[in-house]
Amino acid sequence: MINLEVSIKNGSRDKNGLLNMSIKNIDINKSSDISIHTIQLFNTLKLLPDEKSMDILFFSVYIHLIDNLLPRDKLAVDNWQREIKIKIPVSEPLLWGENVNTIVEALEFLTGDEWNIEFYELSEKYFLNEELDLADSIQVENICLLSGGMDSLVGAINLIQESDNILFVSHYDGAGANSNDQKDIFDTFDSNTEKSIYLSQFHVYDGVAFYEYYNNVKQRIEPIHDGNLRARSLLFLGYALFHAINFKINRVYLPENGLISINIPLNESRTSSNSTRTTHPYFIEKLQDFLTAIGINVEIVNLYQLKTKGEMLAECQNKALLNDLINRTISCSHSKRKGEWTRRSDGEKNCGYCIPCLIRRASVYHYGKLDTIESYGVNLDTIELKLNKTKKPFSKVPTDLLALINFLNKKYDIEQYEREIALVANIDNMEETAIMLKRGYAELRKFIEDNASNEIKRLLI
């Protein structure tokens, strides 16, 4: 059991008036300081947050950081599941404590860990800023996540076509799109619409004391975090919920294609580490139950839960804007890794052979606008990918691609897809979801059959 406690750091505040917090690892007597960096929040949105919104924001920050500060290979018996005990301050500890089992169930499904959470009363206000000018505050009617990925691009474009007074919220870190990528996409939206749209971006910094201790290093070197990003979606949603509470909005939009959202394991070895559940409907349902129980009446909505990524592109309501921006999005799970790509020096953002990239490429092929898409870091041929691990160099053995091909070769029917879904969690719309999965994997098979080299095509049966 890993014993942690969150506390106020010396009663100090950052330049915006937010409390400085710290996560202490009691077992090793080390603390990791937290810093929340907001770009547009106070100077543009002129937001005076209430305590309930700060509770959910800070809680999501703690969980995300804990997930990344505790290396699984050092602290989990099976190199995956950790036993984490944590004390967390909130403004309403009795209410949160009464419903702790619900959020624990959500977190255990999300991260794969065993959580033991105790809430205690926060001794100070989260936010104090007497100089904040609240004049000319903005009007917000819709809130949507904008990650810098392809799905969020489509979701944002469609929302702009249908609605007004939209706030896009973005979290940026070492994975996926950076703050400039997100801002560039938003600025293009802004210049192509007469609607009132706004952007709020943030990033969470932390100390690395835990990771340095467990890995016996004395300075910040790679890797500095566990890097699994399991709880990243909670951080993203926490920031969106924070805004929704303060703007009194009862819905936030989470655009994600159903294939990635369900993300059934391609084989038994990928059940834990390689099958993330960041937007899985079961996690969203449990999080929703917890929010309702603590008095946060905001619905998390994914309009694309039963759509493949290719269908999202094909049904986008502004194809011209989509085609203009699609190259600026990042889908890759390897985008920040230092391994060699054949064309990394040319500025490619997506590796081309991880599972998110393969789904991306298949969706674009389904969409049919190949002339709008940039090249990828690695192509699906045996010149750039080494199928045999015994041959050197073997730095680009496409384990994701091989796992996908082996899965496609099983040729599941609808009932088999339903069983695979149920092995992870029971969800609503089981049959419709299974039909969507069949369409999504058909997109992937079609892309490989038509675009991979002959050596890779022959692996399909």
Protein backbone atom coordinates (compact mmCIF):
# COMPACT_ATOMS: atom_id res chain seq x y z
CA MET A 1 0.00 0.00 0.00
CA ILE A 2 1.35 3.42 -1.00
CA ASN A 3 0.39 6.10 1.53
CA LEU A 4 -0.17 9.64 0.24
CA GLU A 5 -1.63 12.87 1.57
CA VAL A 6 -2.54 16.11 -0.20
CA SER A 7 -2.06 19.34 1.75
CA ILE A 8 -1.73 23.09 1.36
CA LYS A 9 1.86 24.12 0.74
CA ASN A 10 2.81 26.62 3.47
CA GLY A 11 -0.47 28.52 3.00
CA SER A 12 0.96 30.17 -0.13
CA ARG A 13 -0.86 31.05 -3.37
CA ASP A 14 0.14 31.47 -6.99
CA LYS A 15 -0.09 34.77 -8.91
CA ASN A 16 -3.78 34.16 -9.68
CA GLY A 17 -4.71 33.54 -6.06
CA LEU A 18 -4.98 29.74 -6.27
CA LEU A 19 -3.74 27.73 -3.31
CA ASN A 20 -0.41 26.02 -3.82
CA MET A 21 -0.88 22.33 -3.03
CA SER A 22 1.49 19.46 -2.45
CA ILE A 23 1.22 15.66 -2.58
CA LYS A 24 3.25 13.95 0.11
CA ASN A 25 4.39 10.35 -0.14
CA ILE A 26 4.41 9.39 3.53
CA ASP A 27 6.30 6.14 2.95
CA ILE A 28 9.41 7.88 1.62
CA ASN A 29 8.87 11.29 3.25
CA LYS A 30 8.98 13.10 -0.10
CA SER A 31 6.61 15.77 -1.44
CA SER A 32 5.68 16.71 -4.99
CA ASP A 33 4.50 20.30 -5.44
CA ILE A 34 1.63 21.13 -7.79
CA SER A 35 1.40 24.13 -10.06
CA ILE A 36 -1.66 24.83 -12.22
CA HIS A 37 -0.93 27.04 -15.22
CA THR A 38 -3.97 28.68 -16.81
CA ILE A 39 -3.65 30.83 -19.92
CA GLN A 40 -6.97 32.55 -20.65
CA LEU A 41 -8.90 31.72 -17.49
CA PHE A 42 -8.62 34.86 -15.38
CA ASN A 43 -7.55 37.55 -17.81
CA THR A 44 -10.05 36.71 -20.58
CA LEU A 45 -12.89 34.72 -19.05
CA LYS A 46 -12.83 36.78 -15.83
CA LEU A 47 -14.10 33.88 -13.82
CA LEU A 48 -14.69 33.88 -10.07
CA PRO A 49 -14.90 30.16 -9.24
CA ASP A 50 -17.02 28.68 -6.48
CA GLU A 51 -15.77 26.03 -4.06
CA LYS A 52 -17.67 23.12 -5.60
CA SER A 53 -16.02 23.74 -8.96
CA MET A 54 -12.61 23.97 -7.32
CA ASP A 55 -13.18 20.67 -5.49
CA ILE A 56 -13.70 18.76 -8.73
CA LEU A 57 -10.87 20.55 -10.53
CA PHE A 58 -8.27 19.99 -7.82
CA PHE A 59 -9.43 16.40 -7.27
CA SER A 60 -8.92 15.59 -10.96
CA VAL A 61 -5.46 17.20 -10.78
CA TYR A 62 -4.46 15.06 -7.80
CA ILE A 63 -5.59 11.80 -9.38
CA HIS A 64 -3.86 12.54 -12.67
CA LEU A 65 -0.58 13.43 -11.00
CA ILE A 66 -0.63 10.48 -8.59
CA ASP A 67 -1.21 8.17 -11.54
CA ASN A 68 1.92 9.51 -13.22
CA LEU A 69 4.18 10.03 -10.20
CA LEU A 70 4.11 6.41 -9.01
CA PRO A 71 6.07 4.08 -11.33
CA ARG A 72 4.15 0.83 -11.79
CA ASP A 73 7.26 -1.27 -12.42
CA LYS A 74 8.57 -0.34 -8.96
CA LEU A 75 5.36 -0.30 -6.94
CA ALA A 76 3.02 -2.92 -8.42
CA VAL A 77 3.54 -6.61 -7.73
CA ASP A 78 2.29 -7.45 -11.22
CA ASN A 79 3.89 -4.34 -12.80
CA TRP A 80 0.43 -2.85 -13.23
CA GLN A 81 -2.01 -2.66 -10.31
CA ARG A 82 -0.87 -0.39 -7.47
CA GLU A 83 -2.50 -0.10 -4.06
CA ILE A 84 -2.91 3.61 -3.35
CA LYS A 85 -4.17 5.17 -0.12
CA ILE A 86 -4.69 8.92 -0.20
CA LYS A 87 -6.10 11.67 2.03
CA ILE A 88 -7.53 14.61 0.06
CA PRO A 89 -8.91 17.96 1.32
CA VAL A 90 -12.23 19.17 -0.12
CA SER A 91 -14.70 21.86 0.90
CA GLU A 92 -17.50 19.31 1.54
CA PRO A 93 -15.76 16.24 3.03
CA LEU A 94 -18.90 14.65 4.50
CA LEU A 95 -20.75 14.73 1.17
CA TRP A 96 -17.75 13.43 -0.75
CA GLY A 97 -17.08 10.77 1.88
CA GLU A 98 -20.65 9.46 1.70
CA ASN A 99 -20.15 8.82 -2.02
CA VAL A 100 -16.51 7.74 -2.04
CA ASN A 101 -17.29 4.19 -3.17
CA THR A 102 -18.76 5.48 -6.43
CA ILE A 103 -15.72 7.53 -7.41
CA VAL A 104 -13.40 4.72 -6.30
CA GLU A 105 -15.24 2.33 -8.62
CA ALA A 106 -14.79 4.81 -11.47
CA LEU A 107 -11.08 5.28 -10.75
CA GLU A 108 -10.35 1.59 -10.40
CA PHE A 109 -11.93 0.96 -13.78
CA LEU A 110 -10.04 3.90 -15.30
CA THR A 111 -6.53 3.30 -13.94
CA GLY A 112 -6.53 -0.40 -13.04
CA ASP A 113 -5.34 0.40 -9.51
CA GLU A 114 -6.82 -0.25 -6.06
CA TRP A 115 -7.80 3.09 -4.48
CA ASN A 116 -8.48 3.91 -0.84
CA ILE A 117 -9.56 7.56 -0.56
CA GLU A 118 -10.31 9.59 2.57
CA PHE A 119 -11.59 13.17 2.40
CA TYR A 120 -10.96 15.83 5.05
CA GLU A 121 -11.96 19.47 5.30
CA LEU A 122 -10.01 22.11 3.41
CA SER A 123 -8.92 24.79 5.87
CA GLU A 124 -8.76 27.72 3.41
CA LYS A 125 -10.54 29.00 0.33
CA TYR A 126 -9.13 27.62 -2.92
CA PHE A 127 -9.15 31.02 -4.56
CA LEU A 128 -8.59 34.54 -3.28
CA ASN A 129 -8.05 37.47 -5.60
CA GLU A 130 -9.46 40.83 -4.53
CA GLU A 131 -8.02 42.56 -7.60
CA LEU A 132 -9.85 40.41 -10.16
CA ASP A 133 -11.95 42.62 -12.46
CA LEU A 134 -15.20 40.82 -13.30
CA ALA A 135 -16.56 43.52 -15.60
CA ASP A 136 -17.55 42.48 -19.13
CA SER A 137 -17.74 38.80 -18.28
CA ILE A 138 -18.54 36.57 -21.26
CA GLN A 139 -21.72 34.65 -22.03
CA VAL A 140 -21.30 30.88 -22.38
CA GLU A 141 -24.02 28.45 -23.45
CA ASN A 142 -21.97 25.43 -24.61
CA ILE A 143 -18.75 23.80 -23.41
CA CYS A 144 -16.71 21.38 -25.52
CA LEU A 145 -13.33 19.70 -25.07
CA LEU A 146 -10.71 20.67 -27.67
CA SER A 147 -7.66 18.43 -27.35
CA GLY A 148 -6.01 19.09 -30.71
CA GLY A 149 -6.94 15.63 -31.96
CA MET A 150 -9.02 14.74 -35.00
CA ASP A 151 -12.17 13.76 -33.11
CA SER A 152 -12.27 16.97 -31.11
CA LEU A 153 -11.74 18.88 -34.37
CA VAL A 154 -14.83 17.30 -35.92
CA GLY A 155 -16.85 17.75 -32.73
CA ALA A 156 -15.87 21.40 -32.50
CA ILE A 157 -16.64 22.12 -36.16
CA ASN A 158 -20.09 20.55 -35.88
CA LEU A 159 -20.86 22.40 -32.66
CA ILE A 160 -19.92 25.73 -34.24
CA GLN A 161 -22.29 25.00 -37.13
CA GLU A 162 -25.17 24.31 -34.74
CA SER A 163 -24.65 26.57 -31.71
CA ASP A 164 -23.31 29.87 -30.42
CA ASN A 165 -21.50 31.18 -27.32
CA ILE A 166 -19.17 28.19 -27.14
CA LEU A 167 -16.29 27.75 -24.70
CA PHE A 168 -13.60 25.27 -25.77
CA VAL A 169 -11.45 23.87 -22.97
CA SER A 170 -8.02 22.38 -23.54
CA HIS A 171 -5.43 20.62 -21.44
CA TYR A 172 -1.93 20.32 -22.86
CA ASP A 173 1.05 18.29 -21.67
CA GLY A 174 3.89 16.19 -23.05
CA ALA A 175 1.50 13.97 -25.02
CA GLY A 176 -0.57 14.96 -28.03
CA ALA A 177 -1.09 18.53 -29.17
CA ASN A 178 0.70 21.36 -27.39
CA SER A 179 -0.80 24.71 -26.44
CA ASN A 180 0.20 26.34 -29.73
CA ASP A 181 -1.38 23.50 -31.75
CA GLN A 182 -4.65 23.94 -29.85
CA LYS A 183 -4.56 27.73 -30.12
CA ASP A 184 -3.83 27.55 -33.84
CA ILE A 185 -6.91 25.39 -34.43
CA PHE A 186 -9.06 27.67 -32.27
CA ASP A 187 -7.82 30.82 -34.05
CA THR A 188 -8.76 29.28 -37.39
CA PHE A 189 -12.24 28.56 -36.03
CA ASP A 190 -12.49 32.13 -34.81
CA SER A 191 -11.51 33.61 -38.17
CA ASN A 192 -14.02 31.41 -40.02
CA THR A 193 -17.13 32.09 -37.97
CA GLU A 194 -19.22 35.00 -36.77
CA LYS A 195 -20.23 33.01 -33.70
CA SER A 196 -18.98 33.94 -30.23
CA ILE A 197 -16.38 31.34 -29.28
CA TYR A 198 -13.79 31.29 -26.50
CA LEU A 199 -10.82 29.19 -25.39
CA SER A 200 -9.54 28.19 -21.96
CA GLN A 201 -6.25 26.24 -21.78
CA PHE A 202 -4.36 24.86 -18.81
CA HIS A 203 -1.41 22.69 -17.86
CA VAL A 204 -0.47 21.02 -14.60
CA TYR A 205 3.12 20.98 -13.41
CA ASP A 206 4.43 18.81 -10.62
CA GLY A 207 7.60 18.00 -8.77
CA VAL A 208 9.33 14.73 -9.62
CA ALA A 209 10.50 13.70 -6.15
CA PHE A 210 8.63 10.38 -6.18
CA TYR A 211 9.88 9.24 -9.53
CA GLU A 212 13.43 10.35 -8.79
CA TYR A 213 13.38 8.44 -5.52
CA TYR A 214 12.01 5.18 -6.89
CA ASN A 215 14.29 5.25 -9.92
CA ASN A 216 17.37 6.38 -7.97
CA VAL A 217 18.09 9.46 -10.05
CA LYS A 218 19.13 12.88 -8.80
CA GLN A 219 17.99 15.12 -11.62
CA ARG A 220 15.16 15.52 -14.09
CA ILE A 221 15.89 13.02 -16.83
CA GLU A 222 13.72 10.92 -19.14
CA PRO A 223 11.52 9.24 -18.22
CA ILE A 224 10.22 11.35 -15.34
CA HIS A 225 6.72 9.87 -15.07
CA ASP A 226 5.00 6.53 -15.33
CA GLY A 227 3.67 7.83 -18.63
CA ASN A 228 0.57 5.65 -18.97
CA LEU A 229 -1.81 8.65 -19.14
CA ARG A 230 -4.65 6.50 -17.80
CA ALA A 231 -6.20 9.32 -15.74
CA ARG A 232 -5.60 12.10 -18.28
CA SER A 233 -9.24 12.15 -19.37
CA LEU A 234 -10.35 12.80 -15.78
CA LEU A 235 -8.08 15.84 -15.70
CA PHE A 236 -9.54 17.07 -19.00
CA LEU A 237 -13.10 16.48 -17.81
CA GLY A 238 -12.39 18.08 -14.43
CA TYR A 239 -11.40 21.29 -16.18
CA ALA A 240 -14.52 21.21 -18.36
CA LEU A 241 -16.75 20.53 -15.33
CA PHE A 242 -15.07 23.39 -13.49
CA HIS A 243 -16.16 25.78 -16.23
CA ALA A 244 -19.63 24.25 -16.55
CA ILE A 245 -20.34 24.73 -12.85
CA ASN A 246 -19.22 28.36 -12.88
CA PHE A 247 -21.05 29.27 -16.08
CA LYS A 248 -24.11 27.30 -14.90
CA ILE A 249 -24.06 25.02 -17.94
CA ASN A 250 -25.65 21.59 -17.52
CA ARG A 251 -23.79 19.79 -20.31
CA VAL A 252 -20.22 19.34 -21.56
CA TYR A 253 -19.38 17.74 -24.90
CA LEU A 254 -16.70 15.05 -25.12
CA PRO A 255 -16.14 14.19 -28.82
CA GLU A 256 -14.63 10.70 -29.24
CA ASN A 257 -15.24 7.99 -31.82
CA GLY A 258 -16.78 4.80 -30.49
CA LEU A 259 -13.99 2.46 -31.63
CA ILE A 260 -11.38 4.22 -29.50
CA SER A 261 -13.83 4.84 -26.68
CA ILE A 262 -14.70 1.14 -26.29
CA ASN A 263 -11.12 0.06 -27.13
CA ILE A 264 -11.57 -3.67 -26.61
CA PRO A 265 -8.26 -5.50 -25.93
CA LEU A 266 -6.74 -6.84 -29.14
CA ASN A 267 -5.24 -9.78 -27.24
CA GLU A 268 -4.90 -11.01 -23.65
CA SER A 269 -1.55 -9.28 -23.07
CA ARG A 270 -3.11 -5.90 -23.89
CA THR A 271 -5.97 -6.18 -21.39
CA SER A 272 -4.28 -3.83 -18.92
CA SER A 273 -1.48 -1.67 -20.18
CA ASN A 274 -2.45 -1.16 -23.82
CA SER A 275 -6.24 -0.90 -23.59
CA THR A 276 -6.96 2.45 -22.02
CA ARG A 277 -10.45 3.34 -20.82
CA THR A 278 -10.20 7.10 -20.84
CA THR A 279 -13.62 7.75 -22.41
CA HIS A 280 -15.20 4.34 -21.96
CA PRO A 281 -18.97 4.70 -21.35
CA TYR A 282 -18.76 2.66 -18.15
CA PHE A 283 -16.23 5.09 -16.68
CA ILE A 284 -18.31 8.08 -17.81
CA GLU A 285 -21.42 6.51 -16.27
CA LYS A 286 -19.74 5.96 -12.88
CA LEU A 287 -18.23 9.46 -12.92
CA GLN A 288 -21.66 10.82 -13.79
CA ASP A 289 -23.22 8.96 -10.86
CA PHE A 290 -20.65 10.49 -8.50
CA LEU A 291 -21.16 14.00 -9.84
CA THR A 292 -24.92 13.74 -9.38
CA ALA A 293 -24.48 12.41 -5.84
CA ILE A 294 -22.34 15.40 -4.79
CA GLY A 295 -24.68 17.93 -6.36
CA ILE A 296 -22.93 18.61 -9.67
CA ASN A 297 -25.73 18.40 -12.24
CA VAL A 298 -23.67 18.45 -15.41
CA GLU A 299 -24.12 15.81 -18.10
CA ILE A 300 -21.07 14.49 -19.98
CA VAL A 301 -22.17 13.86 -23.58
CA ASN A 302 -20.37 12.00 -26.35
CA LEU A 303 -22.44 12.46 -29.51
CA TYR A 304 -20.16 10.08 -31.41
CA GLN A 305 -20.25 7.04 -29.14
CA LEU A 306 -21.83 4.94 -31.91
CA LYS A 307 -19.76 6.41 -34.76
CA THR A 308 -16.49 5.18 -36.22
CA LYS A 309 -13.75 7.72 -36.81
CA GLY A 310 -14.27 7.44 -40.56
CA GLU A 311 -17.97 8.13 -40.13
CA MET A 312 -17.18 11.20 -38.03
CA LEU A 313 -15.06 12.60 -40.85
CA ALA A 314 -17.56 11.70 -43.57
CA GLU A 315 -20.43 13.35 -41.67
CA CYS A 316 -18.58 16.51 -40.65
CA GLN A 317 -20.76 19.56 -41.35
CA ASN A 318 -18.01 21.80 -42.74
CA LYS A 319 -15.73 19.77 -45.00
CA ALA A 320 -13.75 22.79 -46.20
CA LEU A 321 -12.75 23.72 -42.64
CA LEU A 322 -12.08 20.07 -41.81
CA ASN A 323 -9.79 19.66 -44.81
CA ASP A 324 -7.93 22.85 -43.91
CA LEU A 325 -7.27 21.79 -40.32
CA ILE A 326 -7.00 18.02 -40.40
CA ASN A 327 -3.23 18.07 -40.96
CA ARG A 328 -2.73 20.12 -37.82
CA THR A 329 -4.27 17.51 -35.53
CA ILE A 330 -2.38 14.86 -33.59
CA SER A 331 -3.71 11.35 -32.97
CA CYS A 332 -0.43 9.55 -32.26
CA SER A 333 0.39 7.79 -29.00
CA HIS A 334 4.09 7.93 -29.97
CA SER A 335 4.26 11.61 -30.93
CA LYS A 336 6.63 12.60 -28.13
CA ARG A 337 8.77 9.46 -28.07
CA LYS A 338 12.41 9.69 -29.09
CA GLY A 339 12.50 6.55 -31.22
CA GLU A 340 13.44 7.02 -34.84
CA TRP A 341 10.83 7.66 -37.51
CA THR A 342 11.75 7.52 -41.16
CA ARG A 343 10.42 11.05 -41.69
CA ARG A 344 10.52 12.68 -38.26
CA SER A 345 12.89 15.39 -39.52
CA ASP A 346 10.26 16.51 -42.04
CA GLY A 347 7.92 17.66 -39.26
CA GLU A 348 5.49 14.74 -39.17
CA LYS A 349 3.31 14.74 -36.06
CA ASN A 350 1.95 11.18 -36.25
CA CYS A 351 4.05 8.00 -36.34
CA GLY A 352 1.64 6.11 -38.60
CA TYR A 353 1.80 2.66 -36.98
CA CYS A 354 0.48 2.89 -33.40
CA ILE A 355 -3.18 1.93 -32.88
CA PRO A 356 -4.49 5.54 -32.79
CA CYS A 357 -2.53 6.32 -35.97
CA LEU A 358 -3.82 3.21 -37.72
CA ILE A 359 -7.39 4.15 -36.83
CA ARG A 360 -6.67 7.70 -38.01
CA ARG A 361 -5.27 6.51 -41.34
CA ALA A 362 -8.15 4.09 -41.88
CA SER A 363 -10.67 6.83 -41.14
CA VAL A 364 -9.09 9.22 -43.61
CA TYR A 365 -9.05 6.47 -46.24
CA HIS A 366 -12.75 5.88 -45.55
CA TYR A 367 -13.35 9.64 -45.80
CA GLY A 368 -11.59 9.63 -49.18
CA LYS A 369 -9.73 12.94 -48.90
CA LEU A 370 -6.22 11.52 -49.13
CA ASP A 371 -4.91 14.66 -50.81
CA THR A 372 -5.58 16.60 -47.60
CA ILE A 373 -3.38 14.40 -45.42
CA GLU A 374 0.31 14.76 -44.70
CA SER A 375 2.75 11.89 -44.73
CA TYR A 376 3.39 9.89 -41.58
CA GLY A 377 6.58 9.12 -39.72
CA VAL A 378 6.56 5.50 -40.82
CA ASN A 379 4.78 3.77 -43.70
CA LEU A 380 3.22 0.30 -43.61
CA ASP A 381 5.93 -1.54 -45.47
CA THR A 382 8.76 -3.87 -44.48
CA ILE A 383 11.40 -1.36 -45.53
CA GLU A 384 10.41 0.98 -42.71
CA LEU A 385 8.89 -1.60 -40.31
CA LYS A 386 10.75 -4.72 -39.18
CA LEU A 387 8.40 -7.67 -38.81
CA ASN A 388 11.14 -9.97 -37.49
CA LYS A 389 12.44 -9.04 -34.02
CA THR A 390 15.65 -11.01 -34.52
CA LYS A 391 16.79 -8.84 -37.41
CA LYS A 392 18.56 -5.56 -36.73
CA PRO A 393 17.67 -2.78 -36.61
CA PHE A 394 14.50 -3.77 -34.75
CA SER A 395 13.59 -0.45 -33.13
CA LYS A 396 10.39 -0.19 -35.20
CA VAL A 397 8.85 -3.64 -34.78
CA PRO A 398 5.14 -2.81 -35.25
CA THR A 399 3.69 -4.69 -32.27
CA ASP A 400 0.49 -2.62 -32.45
CA LEU A 401 0.04 -3.44 -36.14
CA LEU A 402 0.73 -7.14 -35.60
CA ALA A 403 -1.72 -7.29 -32.69
CA LEU A 404 -4.35 -5.54 -34.83
CA ILE A 405 -3.85 -7.92 -37.76
CA ASN A 406 -4.10 -10.95 -35.47
CA PHE A 407 -7.34 -9.52 -34.08
CA LEU A 408 -8.77 -8.78 -37.52
CA ASN A 409 -8.03 -12.35 -38.53
CA LYS A 410 -10.48 -13.59 -35.88
CA LYS A 411 -13.30 -12.15 -38.02
CA TYR A 412 -15.72 -11.64 -35.14
CA ASP A 413 -19.45 -11.53 -35.70
CA ILE A 414 -21.81 -9.25 -33.74
CA GLU A 415 -22.33 -11.71 -30.89
CA GLN A 416 -18.57 -12.16 -30.47
CA TYR A 417 -18.10 -8.40 -30.32
CA GLU A 418 -20.81 -8.22 -27.66
CA ARG A 419 -18.93 -10.82 -25.60
CA GLU A 420 -15.69 -8.86 -25.92
CA ILE A 421 -17.45 -5.69 -24.75
CA ALA A 422 -19.01 -7.48 -21.79
CA LEU A 423 -15.64 -8.90 -20.69
CA VAL A 424 -14.58 -5.32 -19.95
CA ALA A 425 -17.88 -3.89 -18.65
CA ASN A 426 -21.60 -4.05 -19.29
CA ILE A 427 -22.85 -0.96 -21.09
CA ASP A 428 -26.04 0.37 -22.62
CA ASN A 429 -26.62 -0.04 -26.37
CA MET A 430 -24.61 -3.27 -26.43
CA GLU A 431 -25.84 -4.47 -29.83
CA GLU A 432 -25.51 -1.04 -31.48
CA THR A 433 -22.01 -0.72 -30.06
CA ALA A 434 -21.03 -4.16 -31.38
CA ILE A 435 -22.31 -3.23 -34.85
CA MET A 436 -20.28 0.00 -34.69
CA LEU A 437 -17.14 -1.98 -33.73
CA LYS A 438 -17.65 -4.28 -36.69
CA ARG A 439 -17.84 -1.26 -39.01
CA GLY A 440 -14.78 0.31 -37.39
CA TYR A 441 -12.58 -2.78 -37.73
CA ALA A 442 -13.81 -3.18 -41.30
CA GLU A 443 -12.41 0.33 -41.96
CA LEU A 444 -9.04 -0.83 -40.60
CA ARG A 445 -9.01 -4.05 -42.64
CA LYS A 446 -9.89 -2.15 -45.83
CA PHE A 447 -7.11 0.36 -45.24
CA ILE A 448 -4.47 -2.35 -44.68
CA GLU A 449 -5.65 -4.40 -47.67
CA ASP A 450 -5.46 -1.39 -50.00
CA ASN A 451 -2.39 0.44 -48.65
CA ALA A 452 0.09 -1.82 -46.86
CA SER A 453 2.98 -3.54 -48.61
CA ASN A 454 2.47 -7.07 -49.92
CA GLU A 455 4.44 -8.58 -47.04
CA ILE A 456 2.06 -6.98 -44.52
CA LYS A 457 -1.08 -7.66 -46.57
CA ARG A 458 -0.24 -11.37 -46.62
CA LEU A 459 -0.57 -11.46 -42.84
CA LEU A 460 -4.32 -10.85 -43.22
CA ILE A 461 -6.47 -13.91 -43.77
